[in-house]
PDB file of N, CA and C in Angstrom:
ATOM      1  N   MET A   1      24.796 191.447  48.245  1.00  0.00           N
ATOM      2  CA  MET A   1      25.511 191.377  49.505  1.00  0.00           C
ATOM      3  C   MET A   1      26.002 192.765  49.874  1.00  0.00           C
ATOM      4  N   LYS A   2      26.021 193.010  51.169  1.00  0.00           N
ATOM      5  CA  LYS A   2      26.528 194.282  51.678  1.00  0.00           C
ATOM      6  C   LYS A   2      27.246 194.045  53.000  1.00  0.00           C
ATOM      7  N   PHE A   3      28.347 194.768  53.183  1.00  0.00           N
ATOM      8  CA  PHE A   3      29.030 194.747  54.468  1.00  0.00           C
ATOM      9  C   PHE A   3      28.277 195.640  55.450  1.00  0.00           C
ATOM     10  N   ALA A   4      28.356 195.299  56.730  1.00  0.00           N
ATOM     11  CA  ALA A   4      27.778 196.145  57.774  1.00  0.00           C
ATOM     12  C   ALA A   4      28.528 197.464  57.784  1.00  0.00           C
ATOM     13  N   PRO A   5      27.820 198.581  57.858  1.00  0.00           N
ATOM     14  CA  PRO A   5      28.500 199.881  57.815  1.00  0.00           C
ATOM     15  C   PRO A   5      29.515 200.093  58.939  1.00  0.00           C
ATOM     16  N   GLN A   6      29.298 199.478  60.101  1.00  0.00           N
ATOM     17  CA  GLN A   6      30.181 199.693  61.246  1.00  0.00           C
ATOM     18  C   GLN A   6      31.256 198.627  61.391  1.00  0.00           C
ATOM     19  N   ASN A   7      31.125 197.524  60.670  1.00  0.00           N
ATOM     20  CA  ASN A   7      32.031 196.399  60.897  1.00  0.00           C
ATOM     21  C   ASN A   7      32.186 195.603  59.601  1.00  0.00           C
ATOM     22  N   TYR A   8      33.301 195.762  58.941  1.00  0.00           N
ATOM     23  CA  TYR A   8      33.504 195.112  57.646  1.00  0.00           C
ATOM     24  C   TYR A   8      33.798 193.618  57.744  1.00  0.00           C
ATOM     25  N   SER A   9      33.767 193.066  58.939  1.00  0.00           N
ATOM     26  CA  SER A   9      33.877 191.610  59.057  1.00  0.00           C
ATOM     27  C   SER A   9      32.495 190.961  59.139  1.00  0.00           C
ATOM     28  N   VAL A  10      31.432 191.780  59.047  1.00  0.00           N
ATOM     29  CA  VAL A  10      30.058 191.282  59.041  1.00  0.00           C
ATOM     30  C   VAL A  10      29.444 191.605  57.684  1.00  0.00           C
ATOM     31  N   LEU A  11      28.828 190.593  57.089  1.00  0.00           N
ATOM     32  CA  LEU A  11      28.266 190.718  55.752  1.00  0.00           C
ATOM     33  C   LEU A  11      26.827 190.226  55.759  1.00  0.00           C
ATOM     34  N   GLY A  12      25.946 190.947  55.081  1.00  0.00           N
ATOM     35  CA  GLY A  12      24.563 190.503  54.909  1.00  0.00           C
ATOM     36  C   GLY A  12      24.362 190.032  53.483  1.00  0.00           C
ATOM     37  N   SER A  13      23.626 188.939  53.304  1.00  0.00           N
ATOM     38  CA  SER A  13      23.363 188.439  51.951  1.00  0.00           C
ATOM     39  C   SER A  13      21.865 188.259  51.741  1.00  0.00           C
ATOM     40  N   ALA A  14      21.425 188.561  50.519  1.00  0.00           N
ATOM     41  CA  ALA A  14      20.043 188.373  50.091  1.00  0.00           C
ATOM     42  C   ALA A  14      20.023 187.190  49.142  1.00  0.00           C
ATOM     43  N   SER A  15      18.944 186.406  49.186  1.00  0.00           N
ATOM     44  CA  SER A  15      18.952 185.163  48.425  1.00  0.00           C
ATOM     45  C   SER A  15      17.639 184.918  47.690  1.00  0.00           C
ATOM     46  N   ASP A  16      17.738 184.154  46.608  1.00  0.00           N
ATOM     47  CA  ASP A  16      16.559 183.762  45.850  1.00  0.00           C
ATOM     48  C   ASP A  16      15.677 182.772  46.612  1.00  0.00           C
ATOM     49  N   ASP A  17      16.197 182.176  47.680  1.00  0.00           N
ATOM     50  CA  ASP A  17      15.368 181.244  48.466  1.00  0.00           C
ATOM     51  C   ASP A  17      14.523 181.972  49.524  1.00  0.00           C
ATOM     52  N   GLY A  18      14.535 183.305  49.513  1.00  0.00           N
ATOM     53  CA  GLY A  18      13.721 184.089  50.437  1.00  0.00           C
ATOM     54  C   GLY A  18      14.354 184.352  51.780  1.00  0.00           C
ATOM     55  N   THR A  19      15.615 184.008  51.939  1.00  0.00           N
ATOM     56  CA  THR A  19      16.279 184.212  53.231  1.00  0.00           C
ATOM     57  C   THR A  19      17.239 185.393  53.189  1.00  0.00           C
ATOM     58  N   VAL A  20      17.484 185.932  54.370  1.00  0.00           N
ATOM     59  CA  VAL A  20      18.524 186.927  54.598  1.00  0.00           C
ATOM     60  C   VAL A  20      19.482 186.290  55.590  1.00  0.00           C
ATOM     61  N   ARG A  21      20.751 186.328  55.267  1.00  0.00           N
ATOM     62  CA  ARG A  21      21.750 185.722  56.158  1.00  0.00           C
ATOM     63  C   ARG A  21      22.807 186.752  56.537  1.00  0.00           C
ATOM     64  N   ILE A  22      23.237 186.657  57.775  1.00  0.00           N
ATOM     65  CA  ILE A  22      24.298 187.509  58.294  1.00  0.00           C
ATOM     66  C   ILE A  22      25.517 186.618  58.507  1.00  0.00           C
ATOM     67  N   TRP A  23      26.646 187.059  57.992  1.00  0.00           N
ATOM     68  CA  TRP A  23      27.867 186.241  57.981  1.00  0.00           C
ATOM     69  C   TRP A  23      28.970 186.906  58.779  1.00  0.00           C
ATOM     70  N   ASP A  24      29.748 186.107  59.478  1.00  0.00           N
ATOM     71  CA  ASP A  24      30.999 186.538  60.097  1.00  0.00           C
ATOM     72  C   ASP A  24      32.095 186.166  59.116  1.00  0.00           C
ATOM     73  N   VAL A  25      32.613 187.156  58.420  1.00  0.00           N
ATOM     74  CA  VAL A  25      33.588 186.906  57.363  1.00  0.00           C
ATOM     75  C   VAL A  25      34.891 186.342  57.922  1.00  0.00           C
ATOM     76  N   ALA A  26      35.306 186.815  59.098  1.00  0.00           N
ATOM     77  CA  ALA A  26      36.560 186.343  59.697  1.00  0.00           C
ATOM     78  C   ALA A  26      36.510 184.847  59.997  1.00  0.00           C
ATOM     79  N   VAL A  27      35.353 184.372  60.442  1.00  0.00           N
ATOM     80  CA  VAL A  27      35.189 182.958  60.777  1.00  0.00           C
ATOM     81  C   VAL A  27      34.762 182.153  59.557  1.00  0.00           C
ATOM     82  N   GLY A  28      34.070 182.836  58.621  1.00  0.00           N
ATOM     83  CA  GLY A  28      33.576 182.150  57.433  1.00  0.00           C
ATOM     84  C   GLY A  28      32.300 181.371  57.685  1.00  0.00           C
ATOM     85  N   ALA A  29      31.449 181.898  58.587  1.00  0.00           N
ATOM     86  CA  ALA A  29      30.234 181.172  58.949  1.00  0.00           C
ATOM     87  C   ALA A  29      29.029 182.100  58.994  1.00  0.00           C
ATOM     88  N   CYS A  30      27.880 181.520  58.733  1.00  0.00           N
ATOM     89  CA  CYS A  30      26.614 182.231  58.880  1.00  0.00           C
ATOM     90  C   CYS A  30      26.276 182.300  60.366  1.00  0.00           C
ATOM     91  N   THR A  31      26.064 183.509  60.872  1.00  0.00           N
ATOM     92  CA  THR A  31      25.765 183.680  62.289  1.00  0.00           C
ATOM     93  C   THR A  31      24.275 183.880  62.563  1.00  0.00           C
ATOM     94  N   ARG A  32      23.508 184.228  61.529  1.00  0.00           N
ATOM     95  CA  ARG A  32      22.069 184.434  61.690  1.00  0.00           C
ATOM     96  C   ARG A  32      21.385 184.203  60.350  1.00  0.00           C
ATOM     97  N   ARG A  33      20.276 183.499  60.399  1.00  0.00           N
ATOM     98  CA  ARG A  33      19.452 183.286  59.205  1.00  0.00           C
ATOM     99  C   ARG A  33      18.052 183.819  59.511  1.00  0.00           C
ATOM    100  N   HIS A  34      17.571 184.685  58.637  1.00  0.00           N
ATOM    101  CA  HIS A  34      16.231 185.248  58.784  1.00  0.00           C
ATOM    102  C   HIS A  34      15.350 184.722  57.661  1.00  0.00           C
ATOM    103  N   ASP A  35      14.233 184.119  58.036  1.00  0.00           N
ATOM    104  CA  ASP A  35      13.243 183.628  57.088  1.00  0.00           C
ATOM    105  C   ASP A  35      12.055 184.582  57.095  1.00  0.00           C
ATOM    106  N   GLY A  36      11.267 184.533  56.052  1.00  0.00           N
ATOM    107  CA  GLY A  36      10.054 185.344  56.089  1.00  0.00           C
ATOM    108  C   GLY A  36       9.632 185.911  54.759  1.00  0.00           C
ATOM    109  N   HIS A  37      10.551 186.065  53.832  1.00  0.00           N
ATOM    110  CA  HIS A  37      10.152 186.542  52.512  1.00  0.00           C
ATOM    111  C   HIS A  37       9.577 185.374  51.719  1.00  0.00           C
ATOM    112  N   ALA A  38       8.568 185.669  50.907  1.00  0.00           N
ATOM    113  CA  ALA A  38       7.902 184.634  50.118  1.00  0.00           C
ATOM    114  C   ALA A  38       8.394 184.591  48.671  1.00  0.00           C
ATOM    115  N   ASP A  39       9.365 185.425  48.325  1.00  0.00           N
ATOM    116  CA  ASP A  39       9.898 185.470  46.961  1.00  0.00           C
ATOM    117  C   ASP A  39      11.359 185.906  47.044  1.00  0.00           C
ATOM    118  N   TYR A  40      11.979 186.090  45.874  1.00  0.00           N
ATOM    119  CA  TYR A  40      13.388 186.486  45.823  1.00  0.00           C
ATOM    120  C   TYR A  40      13.648 187.720  46.682  1.00  0.00           C
ATOM    121  N   VAL A  41      14.735 187.687  47.451  1.00  0.00           N
ATOM    122  CA  VAL A  41      15.182 188.860  48.195  1.00  0.00           C
ATOM    123  C   VAL A  41      16.210 189.556  47.313  1.00  0.00           C
ATOM    124  N   ARG A  42      15.936 190.798  46.932  1.00  0.00           N
ATOM    125  CA  ARG A  42      16.776 191.502  45.967  1.00  0.00           C
ATOM    126  C   ARG A  42      17.808 192.401  46.628  1.00  0.00           C
ATOM    127  N   SER A  43      17.586 192.828  47.871  1.00  0.00           N
ATOM    128  CA  SER A  43      18.546 193.740  48.495  1.00  0.00           C
ATOM    129  C   SER A  43      18.575 193.540  50.005  1.00  0.00           C
ATOM    130  N   VAL A  44      19.721 193.859  50.556  1.00  0.00           N
ATOM    131  CA  VAL A  44      19.906 193.811  52.004  1.00  0.00           C
ATOM    132  C   VAL A  44      20.822 194.973  52.367  1.00  0.00           C
ATOM    133  N   GLU A  45      20.545 195.595  53.507  1.00  0.00           N
ATOM    134  CA  GLU A  45      21.323 196.762  53.912  1.00  0.00           C
ATOM    135  C   GLU A  45      21.371 196.833  55.424  1.00  0.00           C
ATOM    136  N   GLY A  46      22.583 196.942  55.979  1.00  0.00           N
ATOM    137  CA  GLY A  46      22.744 197.115  57.419  1.00  0.00           C
ATOM    138  C   GLY A  46      22.429 198.538  57.828  1.00  0.00           C
ATOM    139  N   HIS A  47      21.821 198.685  59.003  1.00  0.00           N
ATOM    140  CA  HIS A  47      21.510 200.024  59.514  1.00  0.00           C
ATOM    141  C   HIS A  47      22.814 200.767  59.791  1.00  0.00           C
ATOM    142  N   PRO A  48      22.894 202.048  59.444  1.00  0.00           N
ATOM    143  CA  PRO A  48      24.165 202.778  59.594  1.00  0.00           C
ATOM    144  C   PRO A  48      24.607 203.028  61.032  1.00  0.00           C
ATOM    145  N   THR A  49      23.690 202.996  61.997  1.00  0.00           N
ATOM    146  CA  THR A  49      24.101 203.253  63.381  1.00  0.00           C
ATOM    147  C   THR A  49      23.717 202.140  64.355  1.00  0.00           C
ATOM    148  N   ALA A  50      22.719 201.352  64.038  1.00  0.00           N
ATOM    149  CA  ALA A  50      22.287 200.247  64.909  1.00  0.00           C
ATOM    150  C   ALA A  50      22.885 198.949  64.370  1.00  0.00           C
ATOM    151  N   THR A  51      23.929 198.477  64.995  1.00  0.00           N
ATOM    152  CA  THR A  51      24.722 197.374  64.446  1.00  0.00           C
ATOM    153  C   THR A  51      23.957 196.068  64.265  1.00  0.00           C
ATOM    154  N   ASP A  52      22.899 195.849  65.012  1.00  0.00           N
ATOM    155  CA  ASP A  52      22.161 194.589  64.935  1.00  0.00           C
ATOM    156  C   ASP A  52      20.894 194.668  64.091  1.00  0.00           C
ATOM    157  N   THR A  53      20.704 195.774  63.382  1.00  0.00           N
ATOM    158  CA  THR A  53      19.501 195.962  62.576  1.00  0.00           C
ATOM    159  C   THR A  53      19.850 195.910  61.090  1.00  0.00           C
ATOM    160  N   TRP A  54      19.094 195.099  60.363  1.00  0.00           N
ATOM    161  CA  TRP A  54      19.248 194.961  58.911  1.00  0.00           C
ATOM    162  C   TRP A  54      17.885 195.132  58.264  1.00  0.00           C
ATOM    163  N   ALA A  55      17.882 195.558  57.022  1.00  0.00           N
ATOM    164  CA  ALA A  55      16.642 195.663  56.249  1.00  0.00           C
ATOM    165  C   ALA A  55      16.815 194.875  54.960  1.00  0.00           C
ATOM    166  N   SER A  56      15.705 194.339  54.449  1.00  0.00           N
ATOM    167  CA  SER A  56      15.756 193.607  53.184  1.00  0.00           C
ATOM    168  C   SER A  56      14.528 193.955  52.346  1.00  0.00           C
ATOM    169  N   GLY A  57      14.712 193.935  51.032  1.00  0.00           N
ATOM    170  CA  GLY A  57      13.618 194.196  50.096  1.00  0.00           C
ATOM    171  C   GLY A  57      13.451 193.007  49.174  1.00  0.00           C
ATOM    172  N   SER A  58      12.197 192.677  48.852  1.00  0.00           N
ATOM    173  CA  SER A  58      11.926 191.449  48.123  1.00  0.00           C
ATOM    174  C   SER A  58      10.879 191.641  47.034  1.00  0.00           C
ATOM    175  N   TYR A  59      10.875 190.686  46.113  1.00  0.00           N
ATOM    176  CA  TYR A  59       9.844 190.650  45.076  1.00  0.00           C
ATOM    177  C   TYR A  59       8.489 190.245  45.655  1.00  0.00           C
ATOM    178  N   ASP A  60       8.430 189.892  46.936  1.00  0.00           N
ATOM    179  CA  ASP A  60       7.138 189.583  47.564  1.00  0.00           C
ATOM    180  C   ASP A  60       6.404 190.859  47.988  1.00  0.00           C
ATOM    181  N   HIS A  61       6.930 192.021  47.561  1.00  0.00           N
ATOM    182  CA  HIS A  61       6.320 193.342  47.783  1.00  0.00           C
ATOM    183  C   HIS A  61       6.591 193.899  49.171  1.00  0.00           C
ATOM    184  N   THR A  62       7.531 193.325  49.912  1.00  0.00           N
ATOM    185  CA  THR A  62       7.767 193.800  51.277  1.00  0.00           C
ATOM    186  C   THR A  62       9.202 194.257  51.504  1.00  0.00           C
ATOM    187  N   VAL A  63       9.325 195.158  52.465  1.00  0.00           N
ATOM    188  CA  VAL A  63      10.601 195.489  53.089  1.00  0.00           C
ATOM    189  C   VAL A  63      10.474 194.994  54.514  1.00  0.00           C
ATOM    190  N   LYS A  64      11.463 194.263  54.977  1.00  0.00           N
ATOM    191  CA  LYS A  64      11.443 193.721  56.339  1.00  0.00           C
ATOM    192  C   LYS A  64      12.637 194.260  57.113  1.00  0.00           C
ATOM    193  N   LEU A  65      12.397 194.567  58.372  1.00  0.00           N
ATOM    194  CA  LEU A  65      13.462 194.957  59.292  1.00  0.00           C
ATOM    195  C   LEU A  65      13.731 193.782  60.212  1.00  0.00           C
ATOM    196  N   TRP A  66      15.008 193.476  60.381  1.00  0.00           N
ATOM    197  CA  TRP A  66      15.442 192.326  61.177  1.00  0.00           C
ATOM    198  C   TRP A  66      16.271 192.821  62.346  1.00  0.00           C
ATOM    199  N   ASP A  67      16.022 192.278  63.517  1.00  0.00           N
ATOM    200  CA  ASP A  67      16.768 192.630  64.723  1.00  0.00           C
ATOM    201  C   ASP A  67      17.534 191.397  65.171  1.00  0.00           C
ATOM    202  N   ASN A  68      18.835 191.432  65.037  1.00  0.00           N
ATOM    203  CA  ASN A  68      19.662 190.273  65.386  1.00  0.00           C
ATOM    204  C   ASN A  68      19.785 190.054  66.886  1.00  0.00           C
ATOM    205  N   ARG A  69      19.372 191.001  67.702  1.00  0.00           N
ATOM    206  CA  ARG A  69      19.514 190.868  69.156  1.00  0.00           C
ATOM    207  C   ARG A  69      18.510 189.919  69.777  1.00  0.00           C
ATOM    208  N   ASP A  70      17.330 189.765  69.161  1.00  0.00           N
ATOM    209  CA  ASP A  70      16.265 189.020  69.829  1.00  0.00           C
ATOM    210  C   ASP A  70      16.311 187.508  69.599  1.00  0.00           C
ATOM    211  N   GLY A  71      17.188 187.033  68.736  1.00  0.00           N
ATOM    212  CA  GLY A  71      17.313 185.599  68.509  1.00  0.00           C
ATOM    213  C   GLY A  71      16.236 185.014  67.611  1.00  0.00           C
ATOM    214  N   SER A  72      15.344 185.849  67.117  1.00  0.00           N
ATOM    215  CA  SER A  72      14.248 185.374  66.285  1.00  0.00           C
ATOM    216  C   SER A  72      14.646 185.352  64.812  1.00  0.00           C
ATOM    217  N   ARG A  73      14.079 184.418  64.072  1.00  0.00           N
ATOM    218  CA  ARG A  73      14.257 184.388  62.621  1.00  0.00           C
ATOM    219  C   ARG A  73      13.210 185.252  61.923  1.00  0.00           C
ATOM    220  N   ASP A  74      12.194 185.687  62.679  1.00  0.00           N
ATOM    221  CA  ASP A  74      11.101 186.465  62.120  1.00  0.00           C
ATOM    222  C   ASP A  74      11.460 187.947  62.057  1.00  0.00           C
ATOM    223  N   ALA A  75      10.806 188.650  61.146  1.00  0.00           N
ATOM    224  CA  ALA A  75      11.043 190.084  60.985  1.00  0.00           C
ATOM    225  C   ALA A  75      10.477 190.855  62.170  1.00  0.00           C
ATOM    226  N   ALA A  76      11.193 191.893  62.570  1.00  0.00           N
ATOM    227  CA  ALA A  76      10.705 192.775  63.628  1.00  0.00           C
ATOM    228  C   ALA A  76       9.607 193.691  63.094  1.00  0.00           C
ATOM    229  N   LEU A  77       9.654 194.002  61.793  1.00  0.00           N
ATOM    230  CA  LEU A  77       8.672 194.879  61.165  1.00  0.00           C
ATOM    231  C   LEU A  77       8.591 194.530  59.688  1.00  0.00           C
ATOM    232  N   THR A  78       7.384 194.494  59.139  1.00  0.00           N
ATOM    233  CA  THR A  78       7.179 194.233  57.716  1.00  0.00           C
ATOM    234  C   THR A  78       6.358 195.360  57.127  1.00  0.00           C
ATOM    235  N   LEU A  79       6.842 195.916  56.014  1.00  0.00           N
ATOM    236  CA  LEU A  79       6.143 196.978  55.300  1.00  0.00           C
ATOM    237  C   LEU A  79       5.735 196.442  53.936  1.00  0.00           C
ATOM    238  N   ASP A  80       4.455 196.478  53.623  1.00  0.00           N
ATOM    239  CA  ASP A  80       3.950 196.001  52.337  1.00  0.00           C
ATOM    240  C   ASP A  80       3.876 197.180  51.373  1.00  0.00           C
ATOM    241  N   HIS A  81       4.578 197.067  50.252  1.00  0.00           N
ATOM    242  CA  HIS A  81       4.638 198.159  49.282  1.00  0.00           C
ATOM    243  C   HIS A  81       3.713 197.977  48.091  1.00  0.00           C
ATOM    244  N   GLY A  82       3.111 196.819  47.948  1.00  0.00           N
ATOM    245  CA  GLY A  82       2.161 196.613  46.877  1.00  0.00           C
ATOM    246  C   GLY A  82       2.765 196.294  45.517  1.00  0.00           C
ATOM    247  N   CYS A  83       4.070 196.287  45.428  1.00  0.00           N
ATOM    248  CA  CYS A  83       4.755 195.877  44.206  1.00  0.00           C
ATOM    249  C   CYS A  83       6.184 195.463  44.582  1.00  0.00           C
ATOM    250  N   PRO A  84       6.876 194.725  43.697  1.00  0.00           N
ATOM    251  CA  PRO A  84       8.203 194.208  44.031  1.00  0.00           C
ATOM    252  C   PRO A  84       9.203 195.309  44.404  1.00  0.00           C
ATOM    253  N   VAL A  85      10.025 195.014  45.406  1.00  0.00           N
ATOM    254  CA  VAL A  85      11.047 195.949  45.889  1.00  0.00           C
ATOM    255  C   VAL A  85      12.392 195.530  45.302  1.00  0.00           C
ATOM    256  N   GLU A  86      13.010 196.427  44.578  1.00  0.00           N
ATOM    257  CA  GLU A  86      14.271 196.141  43.894  1.00  0.00           C
ATOM    258  C   GLU A  86      15.485 196.521  44.737  1.00  0.00           C
ATOM    259  N   ASP A  87      15.389 197.626  45.489  1.00  0.00           N
ATOM    260  CA  ASP A  87      16.554 198.101  46.232  1.00  0.00           C
ATOM    261  C   ASP A  87      16.095 198.914  47.443  1.00  0.00           C
ATOM    262  N   ILE A  88      16.951 198.983  48.449  1.00  0.00           N
ATOM    263  CA  ILE A  88      16.693 199.789  49.640  1.00  0.00           C
ATOM    264  C   ILE A  88      17.977 200.518  50.016  1.00  0.00           C
ATOM    265  N   ALA A  89      17.832 201.632  50.730  1.00  0.00           N
ATOM    266  CA  ALA A  89      18.998 202.394  51.198  1.00  0.00           C
ATOM    267  C   ALA A  89      18.603 203.185  52.433  1.00  0.00           C
ATOM    268  N   TRP A  90      19.508 203.254  53.386  1.00  0.00           N
ATOM    269  CA  TRP A  90      19.309 204.042  54.602  1.00  0.00           C
ATOM    270  C   TRP A  90      19.920 205.423  54.407  1.00  0.00           C
ATOM    271  N   LEU A  91      19.289 206.428  54.979  1.00  0.00           N
ATOM    272  CA  LEU A  91      19.909 207.726  55.143  1.00  0.00           C
ATOM    273  C   LEU A  91      21.075 207.515  56.108  1.00  0.00           C
ATOM    274  N   PRO A  92      22.216 208.187  55.950  1.00  0.00           N
ATOM    275  CA  PRO A  92      23.361 207.938  56.836  1.00  0.00           C
ATOM    276  C   PRO A  92      23.054 208.035  58.330  1.00  0.00           C
ATOM    277  N   SER A  93      22.091 208.854  58.730  1.00  0.00           N
ATOM    278  CA  SER A  93      21.737 208.951  60.150  1.00  0.00           C
ATOM    279  C   SER A  93      20.917 207.747  60.609  1.00  0.00           C
ATOM    280  N   GLY A  94      20.341 206.992  59.664  1.00  0.00           N
ATOM    281  CA  GLY A  94      19.522 205.839  59.997  1.00  0.00           C
ATOM    282  C   GLY A  94      18.076 206.173  60.300  1.00  0.00           C
ATOM    283  N   SER A  95      17.703 207.441  60.200  1.00  0.00           N
ATOM    284  CA  SER A  95      16.341 207.844  60.553  1.00  0.00           C
ATOM    285  C   SER A  95      15.345 207.617  59.422  1.00  0.00           C
ATOM    286  N   LEU A  96      15.835 207.410  58.195  1.00  0.00           N
ATOM    287  CA  LEU A  96      14.948 207.230  57.051  1.00  0.00           C
ATOM    288  C   LEU A  96      15.517 206.170  56.125  1.00  0.00           C
ATOM    289  N   MET A  97      14.633 205.314  55.617  1.00  0.00           N
ATOM    290  CA  MET A  97      15.040 204.294  54.654  1.00  0.00           C
ATOM    291  C   MET A  97      14.192 204.478  53.407  1.00  0.00           C
ATOM    292  N   ALA A  98      14.816 204.365  52.244  1.00  0.00           N
ATOM    293  CA  ALA A  98      14.088 204.465  50.979  1.00  0.00           C
ATOM    294  C   ALA A  98      14.149 203.119  50.277  1.00  0.00           C
ATOM    295  N   GLY A  99      13.058 202.793  49.593  1.00  0.00           N
ATOM    296  CA  GLY A  99      13.003 201.561  48.816  1.00  0.00           C
ATOM    297  C   GLY A  99      12.660 201.874  47.381  1.00  0.00           C
ATOM    298  N   GLY A 100      13.383 201.259  46.452  1.00  0.00           N
ATOM    299  CA  GLY A 100      13.103 201.423  45.030  1.00  0.00           C
ATOM    300  C   GLY A 100      12.244 200.266  44.560  1.00  0.00           C
ATOM    301  N   LEU A 101      11.126 200.585  43.958  1.00  0.00           N
ATOM    302  CA  LEU A 101      10.175 199.575  43.536  1.00  0.00           C
ATOM    303  C   LEU A 101      10.239 199.380  42.034  1.00  0.00           C
ATOM    304  N   LEU A 102       9.788 198.243  41.573  1.00  0.00           N
ATOM    305  CA  LEU A 102       9.815 197.950  40.145  1.00  0.00           C
ATOM    306  C   LEU A 102       8.822 198.775  39.355  1.00  0.00           C
ATOM    307  N   ARG A 103       7.770 199.237  39.992  1.00  0.00           N
ATOM    308  CA  ARG A 103       6.807 200.086  39.299  1.00  0.00           C
ATOM    309  C   ARG A 103       7.526 201.360  38.851  1.00  0.00           C
ATOM    310  N   THR A 104       7.326 201.789  37.648  1.00  0.00           N
ATOM    311  CA  THR A 104       8.047 202.926  37.080  1.00  0.00           C
ATOM    312  C   THR A 104       7.933 204.168  37.957  1.00  0.00           C
ATOM    313  N   SER A 105       9.054 204.756  38.279  1.00  0.00           N
ATOM    314  CA  SER A 105       9.156 206.023  39.013  1.00  0.00           C
ATOM    315  C   SER A 105       8.506 205.994  40.396  1.00  0.00           C
ATOM    316  N   THR A 106       8.426 204.852  41.020  1.00  0.00           N
ATOM    317  CA  THR A 106       7.842 204.775  42.354  1.00  0.00           C
ATOM    318  C   THR A 106       8.926 204.492  43.380  1.00  0.00           C
ATOM    319  N   ARG A 107       8.900 205.227  44.456  1.00  0.00           N
ATOM    320  CA  ARG A 107       9.833 205.035  45.556  1.00  0.00           C
ATOM    321  C   ARG A 107       9.032 205.032  46.851  1.00  0.00           C
ATOM    322  N   SER A 108       9.536 204.369  47.846  1.00  0.00           N
ATOM    323  CA  SER A 108       8.885 204.408  49.159  1.00  0.00           C
ATOM    324  C   SER A 108       9.888 204.928  50.171  1.00  0.00           C
ATOM    325  N   MET A 109       9.366 205.498  51.236  1.00  0.00           N
ATOM    326  CA  MET A 109      10.220 205.958  52.318  1.00  0.00           C
ATOM    327  C   MET A 109       9.632 205.504  53.639  1.00  0.00           C
ATOM    328  N   PHE A 110      10.509 205.049  54.537  1.00  0.00           N
ATOM    329  CA  PHE A 110      10.109 204.595  55.861  1.00  0.00           C
ATOM    330  C   PHE A 110      10.818 205.445  56.892  1.00  0.00           C
ATOM    331  N   ASN A 111      10.054 206.064  57.777  1.00  0.00           N
ATOM    332  CA  ASN A 111      10.602 206.876  58.847  1.00  0.00           C
ATOM    333  C   ASN A 111      10.730 206.010  60.085  1.00  0.00           C
ATOM    334  N   ARG A 112      11.951 205.741  60.514  1.00  0.00           N
ATOM    335  CA  ARG A 112      12.204 204.842  61.634  1.00  0.00           C
ATOM    336  C   ARG A 112      11.636 205.377  62.943  1.00  0.00           C
ATOM    337  N   ARG A 113      11.690 206.681  63.132  1.00  0.00           N
ATOM    338  CA  ARG A 113      11.202 207.256  64.388  1.00  0.00           C
ATOM    339  C   ARG A 113       9.693 207.131  64.537  1.00  0.00           C
ATOM    340  N   THR A 114       8.969 207.390  63.462  1.00  0.00           N
ATOM    341  CA  THR A 114       7.507 207.348  63.541  1.00  0.00           C
ATOM    342  C   THR A 114       6.938 206.030  63.053  1.00  0.00           C
ATOM    343  N   GLU A 115       7.802 205.145  62.507  1.00  0.00           N
ATOM    344  CA  GLU A 115       7.406 203.872  61.937  1.00  0.00           C
ATOM    345  C   GLU A 115       6.281 204.032  60.910  1.00  0.00           C
ATOM    346  N   SER A 116       6.411 205.094  60.100  1.00  0.00           N
ATOM    347  CA  SER A 116       5.422 205.325  59.056  1.00  0.00           C
ATOM    348  C   SER A 116       6.080 205.190  57.690  1.00  0.00           C
ATOM    349  N   ALA A 117       5.299 204.711  56.732  1.00  0.00           N
ATOM    350  CA  ALA A 117       5.798 204.537  55.373  1.00  0.00           C
ATOM    351  C   ALA A 117       4.902 205.302  54.420  1.00  0.00           C
ATOM    352  N   ARG A 118       5.497 205.770  53.323  1.00  0.00           N
ATOM    353  CA  ARG A 118       4.694 206.408  52.289  1.00  0.00           C
ATOM    354  C   ARG A 118       5.313 206.141  50.927  1.00  0.00           C
ATOM    355  N   LEU A 119       4.468 206.113  49.929  1.00  0.00           N
ATOM    356  CA  LEU A 119       4.910 205.937  48.550  1.00  0.00           C
ATOM    357  C   LEU A 119       5.016 207.293  47.895  1.00  0.00           C
ATOM    358  N   CYS A 120       6.043 207.471  47.074  1.00  0.00           N
ATOM    359  CA  CYS A 120       6.240 208.705  46.332  1.00  0.00           C
ATOM    360  C   CYS A 120       6.242 208.335  44.851  1.00  0.00           C
ATOM    361  N   GLU A 121       5.280 208.834  44.099  1.00  0.00           N
ATOM    362  CA  GLU A 121       5.192 208.524  42.674  1.00  0.00           C
ATOM    363  C   GLU A 121       5.401 209.781  41.857  1.00  0.00           C
ATOM    364  N   GLN A 122       6.045 209.624  40.694  1.00  0.00           N
ATOM    365  CA  GLN A 122       6.258 210.747  39.788  1.00  0.00           C
ATOM    366  C   GLN A 122       5.562 210.494  38.489  1.00  0.00           C
TER     367      GLN A 122
END
């Protein structure tokens, strides 16, 4: 679980049932449910500057970007990494996201501006 960087009354949760949920902590209710992962969701992270954008990483080998503005439960963008995703993190400016994969010493990076992804192996 992670709080939204801009609003600590909003919380994102990752679940073993493959869902990502956005919660209004003040009300105590789920305000958005995103479906689409085919395996455990291991991480969720709110975008540092775009309040309605969340990212999630899953053992289904994908990182998904979710846009809460469009009313859809489907991902706005899916990146296939070819191996399970353990963790994700945004650069504070929000222009780059990194994903930590289970494969030894492998990391991925997603450039939001160019919508390109690359794997970095050591």
